[in-house]
Amino acid sequence: MAAGAVFLALSAQLLQARLMKEESPVVSWWLEPEDGTAL
């Protein structure tokens, strides 16, 4: 259930960023990790 909660939190973060058209540090890190690896 923890994984589901994390997934929902990330989805909500991405949705909010799209609606507000602002990039939060979390979204930027999620889409473009500094180490160049995909989660």
PDB file of N, CA and C in Angstrom:
ATOM      1  N   MET A   1       0.833  -1.210   0.000  1.00  0.00           N
ATOM      2  CA  MET A   1       0.000   0.000   0.000  1.00  0.00           C
ATOM      3  C   MET A   1       0.866   1.258   0.000  1.00  0.00           C
ATOM      4  N   ALA A   2       2.058   1.124   0.533  1.00  0.00           N
ATOM      5  CA  ALA A   2       2.954   2.285   0.571  1.00  0.00           C
ATOM      6  C   ALA A   2       3.319   2.722  -0.848  1.00  0.00           C
ATOM      7  N   ALA A   3       3.576   1.737  -1.708  1.00  0.00           N
ATOM      8  CA  ALA A   3       3.941   2.054  -3.088  1.00  0.00           C
ATOM      9  C   ALA A   3       2.801   2.785  -3.787  1.00  0.00           C
ATOM     10  N   GLY A   4       1.574   2.364  -3.508  1.00  0.00           N
ATOM     11  CA  GLY A   4       0.417   3.020  -4.112  1.00  0.00           C
ATOM     12  C   GLY A   4       0.295   4.459  -3.653  1.00  0.00           C
ATOM     13  N   ALA A   5       0.579   4.696  -2.384  1.00  0.00           N
ATOM     14  CA  ALA A   5       0.487   6.053  -1.839  1.00  0.00           C
ATOM     15  C   ALA A   5       1.536   6.949  -2.483  1.00  0.00           C
ATOM     16  N   VAL A   6       2.735   6.402  -2.676  1.00  0.00           N
ATOM     17  CA  VAL A   6       3.806   7.176  -3.317  1.00  0.00           C
ATOM     18  C   VAL A   6       3.426   7.501  -4.757  1.00  0.00           C
ATOM     19  N   PHE A   7       2.860   6.512  -5.448  1.00  0.00           N
ATOM     20  CA  PHE A   7       2.460   6.718  -6.840  1.00  0.00           C
ATOM     21  C   PHE A   7       1.406   7.814  -6.947  1.00  0.00           C
ATOM     22  N   LEU A   8       0.426   7.779  -6.044  1.00  0.00           N
ATOM     23  CA  LEU A   8      -0.631   8.791  -6.049  1.00  0.00           C
ATOM     24  C   LEU A   8      -0.060  10.164  -5.742  1.00  0.00           C
ATOM     25  N   ALA A   9       0.886  10.224  -4.821  1.00  0.00           N
ATOM     26  CA  ALA A   9       1.496  11.506  -4.454  1.00  0.00           C
ATOM     27  C   ALA A   9       2.257  12.090  -5.643  1.00  0.00           C
ATOM     28  N   LEU A  10       2.986  11.243  -6.354  1.00  0.00           N
ATOM     29  CA  LEU A  10       3.745  11.712  -7.512  1.00  0.00           C
ATOM     30  C   LEU A  10       2.803  12.153  -8.624  1.00  0.00           C
ATOM     31  N   SER A  11       1.736  11.395  -8.834  1.00  0.00           N
ATOM     32  CA  SER A  11       0.761  11.754  -9.865  1.00  0.00           C
ATOM     33  C   SER A  11       0.123  13.100  -9.549  1.00  0.00           C
ATOM     34  N   ALA A  12      -0.208  13.311  -8.277  1.00  0.00           N
ATOM     35  CA  ALA A  12      -0.819  14.570  -7.856  1.00  0.00           C
ATOM     36  C   ALA A  12       0.161  15.721  -8.054  1.00  0.00           C
ATOM     37  N   GLN A  13       1.434  15.476  -7.760  1.00  0.00           N
ATOM     38  CA  GLN A  13       2.459  16.514  -7.913  1.00  0.00           C
ATOM     39  C   GLN A  13       2.593  16.907  -9.380  1.00  0.00           C
ATOM     40  N   LEU A  14       2.616  15.908 -10.258  1.00  0.00           N
ATOM     41  CA  LEU A  14       2.740  16.181 -11.686  1.00  0.00           C
ATOM     42  C   LEU A  14       1.512  16.917 -12.204  1.00  0.00           C
ATOM     43  N   LEU A  15       0.328  16.488 -11.753  1.00  0.00           N
ATOM     44  CA  LEU A  15      -0.910  17.121 -12.194  1.00  0.00           C
ATOM     45  C   LEU A  15      -0.959  18.574 -11.745  1.00  0.00           C
ATOM     46  N   GLN A  16      -0.587  18.820 -10.501  1.00  0.00           N
ATOM     47  CA  GLN A  16      -0.603  20.185  -9.975  1.00  0.00           C
ATOM     48  C   GLN A  16       0.366  21.069 -10.755  1.00  0.00           C
ATOM     49  N   ALA A  17       1.527  20.531 -11.090  1.00  0.00           N
ATOM     50  CA  ALA A  17       2.524  21.300 -11.835  1.00  0.00           C
ATOM     51  C   ALA A  17       1.984  21.664 -13.215  1.00  0.00           C
ATOM     52  N   ARG A  18       1.273  20.729 -13.834  1.00  0.00           N
ATOM     53  CA  ARG A  18       0.713  21.009 -15.163  1.00  0.00           C
ATOM     54  C   ARG A  18      -0.388  22.060 -15.079  1.00  0.00           C
ATOM     55  N   LEU A  19      -1.227  21.956 -14.064  1.00  0.00           N
ATOM     56  CA  LEU A  19      -2.339  22.896 -13.925  1.00  0.00           C
ATOM     57  C   LEU A  19      -1.830  24.306 -13.636  1.00  0.00           C
ATOM     58  N   MET A  20      -0.832  24.403 -12.779  1.00  0.00           N
ATOM     59  CA  MET A  20      -0.304  25.714 -12.398  1.00  0.00           C
ATOM     60  C   MET A  20       0.773  26.180 -13.371  1.00  0.00           C
ATOM     61  N   LYS A  21       1.204  25.249 -14.251  1.00  0.00           N
ATOM     62  CA  LYS A  21       2.254  25.549 -15.229  1.00  0.00           C
ATOM     63  C   LYS A  21       3.495  26.094 -14.533  1.00  0.00           C
ATOM     64  N   GLU A  22       3.860  25.415 -13.457  1.00  0.00           N
ATOM     65  CA  GLU A  22       5.085  25.774 -12.746  1.00  0.00           C
ATOM     66  C   GLU A  22       5.869  24.505 -12.491  1.00  0.00           C
ATOM     67  N   GLU A  23       7.184  24.614 -12.519  1.00  0.00           N
ATOM     68  CA  GLU A  23       8.001  23.440 -12.255  1.00  0.00           C
ATOM     69  C   GLU A  23       8.503  23.480 -10.826  1.00  0.00           C
ATOM     70  N   SER A  24       8.105  22.489 -10.067  1.00  0.00           N
ATOM     71  CA  SER A  24       8.589  22.399  -8.693  1.00  0.00           C
ATOM     72  C   SER A  24       9.869  21.570  -8.697  1.00  0.00           C
ATOM     73  N   PRO A  25      10.703  21.733  -7.689  1.00  0.00           N
ATOM     74  CA  PRO A  25      11.948  20.951  -7.609  1.00  0.00           C
ATOM     75  C   PRO A  25      11.684  19.451  -7.670  1.00  0.00           C
ATOM     76  N   VAL A  26      10.584  19.011  -7.068  1.00  0.00           N
ATOM     77  CA  VAL A  26      10.268  17.583  -7.060  1.00  0.00           C
ATOM     78  C   VAL A  26       9.965  17.093  -8.466  1.00  0.00           C
ATOM     79  N   VAL A  27       9.173  17.852  -9.201  1.00  0.00           N
ATOM     80  CA  VAL A  27       8.814  17.448 -10.559  1.00  0.00           C
ATOM     81  C   VAL A  27      10.042  17.470 -11.461  1.00  0.00           C
ATOM     82  N   SER A  28      10.866  18.505 -11.327  1.00  0.00           N
ATOM     83  CA  SER A  28      12.068  18.609 -12.148  1.00  0.00           C
ATOM     84  C   SER A  28      12.999  17.438 -11.875  1.00  0.00           C
ATOM     85  N   TRP A  29      13.127  17.075 -10.598  1.00  0.00           N
ATOM     86  CA  TRP A  29      13.998  15.954 -10.233  1.00  0.00           C
ATOM     87  C   TRP A  29      13.423  14.644 -10.744  1.00  0.00           C
ATOM     88  N   TRP A  30      12.099  14.524 -10.699  1.00  0.00           N
ATOM     89  CA  TRP A  30      11.443  13.278 -11.123  1.00  0.00           C
ATOM     90  C   TRP A  30      11.585  13.088 -12.630  1.00  0.00           C
ATOM     91  N   LEU A  31      11.394  14.162 -13.398  1.00  0.00           N
ATOM     92  CA  LEU A  31      11.446  14.056 -14.849  1.00  0.00           C
ATOM     93  C   LEU A  31      12.880  14.031 -15.363  1.00  0.00           C
ATOM     94  N   GLU A  32      13.765  14.786 -14.713  1.00  0.00           N
ATOM     95  CA  GLU A  32      15.156  14.865 -15.149  1.00  0.00           C
ATOM     96  C   GLU A  32      16.103  14.710 -13.968  1.00  0.00           C
ATOM     97  N   PRO A  33      16.340  13.464 -13.548  1.00  0.00           N
ATOM     98  CA  PRO A  33      17.250  13.220 -12.426  1.00  0.00           C
ATOM     99  C   PRO A  33      18.651  13.733 -12.741  1.00  0.00           C
ATOM    100  N   GLU A  34      19.304  14.291 -11.754  1.00  0.00           N
ATOM    101  CA  GLU A  34      20.634  14.862 -11.965  1.00  0.00           C
ATOM    102  C   GLU A  34      21.653  13.794 -12.337  1.00  0.00           C
ATOM    103  N   ASP A  35      21.444  12.584 -11.839  1.00  0.00           N
ATOM    104  CA  ASP A  35      22.408  11.516 -12.122  1.00  0.00           C
ATOM    105  C   ASP A  35      22.142  10.860 -13.483  1.00  0.00           C
ATOM    106  N   GLY A  36      21.065  11.265 -14.144  1.00  0.00           N
ATOM    107  CA  GLY A  36      20.785  10.777 -15.486  1.00  0.00           C
ATOM    108  C   GLY A  36      20.131   9.407 -15.533  1.00  0.00           C
ATOM    109  N   THR A  37      19.673   8.904 -14.389  1.00  0.00           N
ATOM    110  CA  THR A  37      19.017   7.597 -14.383  1.00  0.00           C
ATOM    111  C   THR A  37      17.522   7.758 -14.200  1.00  0.00           C
ATOM    112  N   ALA A  38      16.766   6.839 -14.776  1.00  0.00           N
ATOM    113  CA  ALA A  38      15.313   6.881 -14.616  1.00  0.00           C
ATOM    114  C   ALA A  38      14.907   5.988 -13.455  1.00  0.00           C
ATOM    115  N   LEU A  39      13.932   6.436 -12.697  1.00  0.00           N
ATOM    116  CA  LEU A  39      13.498   5.636 -11.551  1.00  0.00           C
ATOM    117  C   LEU A  39      12.611   4.488 -12.015  1.00  0.00           C
TER     118      LEU A  39
END
